[in-house]
Amino acid sequence: MQQIEDSDRATLLSGVTWRKSRRSNPSGDCVEVAALFGGDFAVRNSRHPSGPALVCTKTELAAFLLAAKDGEFDDVVA
């Protein structure tokens, strides 16, 4: 099994299924997530599918999603 490092190119992640939120906007400014073998997750920019992918654990992804839902990043787009 190939080890994937954080920020490796998303094209190295073969055999995974990328998915966007159903709330994605039509302009294509979306984040995509893929479950990796072994329980980790990869995140990439949908506009640059061959660009870097950030790899995180299930716990790290859950913490980020909870923070986003709680509004911790609202000041970034305000």
C-alpha atoms as a PDB file:
ATOM      1  CA  MET A   1       0.000   0.000   0.000  1.00  0.00           C
ATOM      2  CA  GLN A   2       1.315   3.435  -0.932  1.00  0.00           C
ATOM      3  CA  GLN A   3       1.666   5.884   1.928  1.00  0.00           C
ATOM      4  CA  ILE A   4       0.129   9.258   1.186  1.00  0.00           C
ATOM      5  CA  GLU A   5       1.683  12.302   2.782  1.00  0.00           C
ATOM      6  CA  ASP A   6      -0.115  15.528   3.613  1.00  0.00           C
ATOM      7  CA  SER A   7      -0.121  17.860   0.598  1.00  0.00           C
ATOM      8  CA  ASP A   8       0.694  15.117  -1.922  1.00  0.00           C
ATOM      9  CA  ARG A   9      -0.863  15.628  -5.314  1.00  0.00           C
ATOM     10  CA  ALA A  10      -4.448  14.414  -5.411  1.00  0.00           C
ATOM     11  CA  THR A  11      -3.641  12.340  -8.498  1.00  0.00           C
ATOM     12  CA  LEU A  12      -1.647   9.973  -6.250  1.00  0.00           C
ATOM     13  CA  LEU A  13      -4.882   9.010  -4.530  1.00  0.00           C
ATOM     14  CA  SER A  14      -6.071   6.389  -6.976  1.00  0.00           C
ATOM     15  CA  GLY A  15      -9.119   4.286  -6.245  1.00  0.00           C
ATOM     16  CA  VAL A  16     -10.853   6.870  -4.057  1.00  0.00           C
ATOM     17  CA  THR A  17     -14.181   8.562  -4.671  1.00  0.00           C
ATOM     18  CA  TRP A  18     -14.212  12.335  -4.348  1.00  0.00           C
ATOM     19  CA  ARG A  19     -17.450  14.008  -3.339  1.00  0.00           C
ATOM     20  CA  LYS A  20     -18.719  17.558  -3.001  1.00  0.00           C
ATOM     21  CA  SER A  21     -21.281  18.891  -0.601  1.00  0.00           C
ATOM     22  CA  ARG A  22     -24.785  19.088  -1.991  1.00  0.00           C
ATOM     23  CA  ARG A  23     -24.571  22.751  -0.916  1.00  0.00           C
ATOM     24  CA  SER A  24     -21.769  23.440  -3.390  1.00  0.00           C
ATOM     25  CA  ASN A  25     -22.298  26.491  -5.540  1.00  0.00           C
ATOM     26  CA  PRO A  26     -22.541  26.407  -9.337  1.00  0.00           C
ATOM     27  CA  SER A  27     -19.399  28.528  -9.831  1.00  0.00           C
ATOM     28  CA  GLY A  28     -17.242  25.536  -8.910  1.00  0.00           C
ATOM     29  CA  ASP A  29     -15.715  26.977  -5.726  1.00  0.00           C
ATOM     30  CA  CYS A  30     -15.980  23.707  -3.872  1.00  0.00           C
ATOM     31  CA  VAL A  31     -14.077  21.510  -1.510  1.00  0.00           C
ATOM     32  CA  GLU A  32     -14.100  17.784  -2.186  1.00  0.00           C
ATOM     33  CA  VAL A  33     -13.528  15.027   0.368  1.00  0.00           C
ATOM     34  CA  ALA A  34     -12.487  11.404  -0.150  1.00  0.00           C
ATOM     35  CA  ALA A  35     -12.330   8.588   2.371  1.00  0.00           C
ATOM     36  CA  LEU A  36      -8.946   6.847   2.239  1.00  0.00           C
ATOM     37  CA  PHE A  37      -8.134   3.254   2.951  1.00  0.00           C
ATOM     38  CA  GLY A  38      -7.173   2.986   6.605  1.00  0.00           C
ATOM     39  CA  GLY A  39      -9.685   5.545   7.876  1.00  0.00           C
ATOM     40  CA  ASP A  40      -8.045   8.866   6.958  1.00  0.00           C
ATOM     41  CA  PHE A  41      -9.583  11.493   4.686  1.00  0.00           C
ATOM     42  CA  ALA A  42      -8.275  13.686   1.891  1.00  0.00           C
ATOM     43  CA  VAL A  43      -9.530  17.170   1.050  1.00  0.00           C
ATOM     44  CA  ARG A  44      -8.895  19.021  -2.223  1.00  0.00           C
ATOM     45  CA  ASN A  45      -9.985  22.059  -4.199  1.00  0.00           C
ATOM     46  CA  SER A  46     -12.445  20.974  -6.904  1.00  0.00           C
ATOM     47  CA  ARG A  47     -11.066  23.593  -9.297  1.00  0.00           C
ATOM     48  CA  HIS A  48      -7.622  21.958  -9.105  1.00  0.00           C
ATOM     49  CA  PRO A  49      -8.277  18.194  -8.947  1.00  0.00           C
ATOM     50  CA  SER A  50      -4.662  17.362  -9.782  1.00  0.00           C
ATOM     51  CA  GLY A  51      -3.341  19.814  -7.189  1.00  0.00           C
ATOM     52  CA  PRO A  52      -2.456  19.063  -3.585  1.00  0.00           C
ATOM     53  CA  ALA A  53      -4.678  17.098  -1.241  1.00  0.00           C
ATOM     54  CA  LEU A  54      -4.638  17.648   2.496  1.00  0.00           C
ATOM     55  CA  VAL A  55      -4.742  14.390   4.434  1.00  0.00           C
ATOM     56  CA  CYS A  56      -6.290  14.276   7.892  1.00  0.00           C
ATOM     57  CA  THR A  57      -7.577  11.772  10.398  1.00  0.00           C
ATOM     58  CA  LYS A  58     -11.257  11.204  11.059  1.00  0.00           C
ATOM     59  CA  THR A  59     -10.860  13.049  14.389  1.00  0.00           C
ATOM     60  CA  GLU A  60      -9.213  16.058  12.730  1.00  0.00           C
ATOM     61  CA  LEU A  61     -11.898  16.253  10.035  1.00  0.00           C
ATOM     62  CA  ALA A  62     -14.675  15.953  12.639  1.00  0.00           C
ATOM     63  CA  ALA A  63     -13.130  18.773  14.700  1.00  0.00           C
ATOM     64  CA  PHE A  64     -12.892  21.018  11.630  1.00  0.00           C
ATOM     65  CA  LEU A  65     -16.482  20.328  10.579  1.00  0.00           C
ATOM     66  CA  LEU A  66     -17.769  20.980  14.097  1.00  0.00           C
ATOM     67  CA  ALA A  67     -15.869  24.279  14.252  1.00  0.00           C
ATOM     68  CA  ALA A  68     -17.270  25.306  10.856  1.00  0.00           C
ATOM     69  CA  LYS A  69     -20.819  24.455  11.958  1.00  0.00           C
ATOM     70  CA  ASP A  70     -20.306  26.444  15.156  1.00  0.00           C
ATOM     71  CA  GLY A  71     -19.312  29.514  13.138  1.00  0.00           C
ATOM     72  CA  GLU A  72     -15.657  29.649  14.191  1.00  0.00           C
ATOM     73  CA  PHE A  73     -14.603  30.592  10.661  1.00  0.00           C
ATOM     74  CA  ASP A  74     -17.409  33.011   9.823  1.00  0.00           C
ATOM     75  CA  ASP A  75     -15.066  36.002  10.134  1.00  0.00           C
ATOM     76  CA  VAL A  76     -12.990  34.636   7.235  1.00  0.00           C
ATOM     77  CA  VAL A  77     -15.748  35.264   4.688  1.00  0.00           C
ATOM     78  CA  ALA A  78     -17.413  38.238   6.327  1.00  0.00           C
END
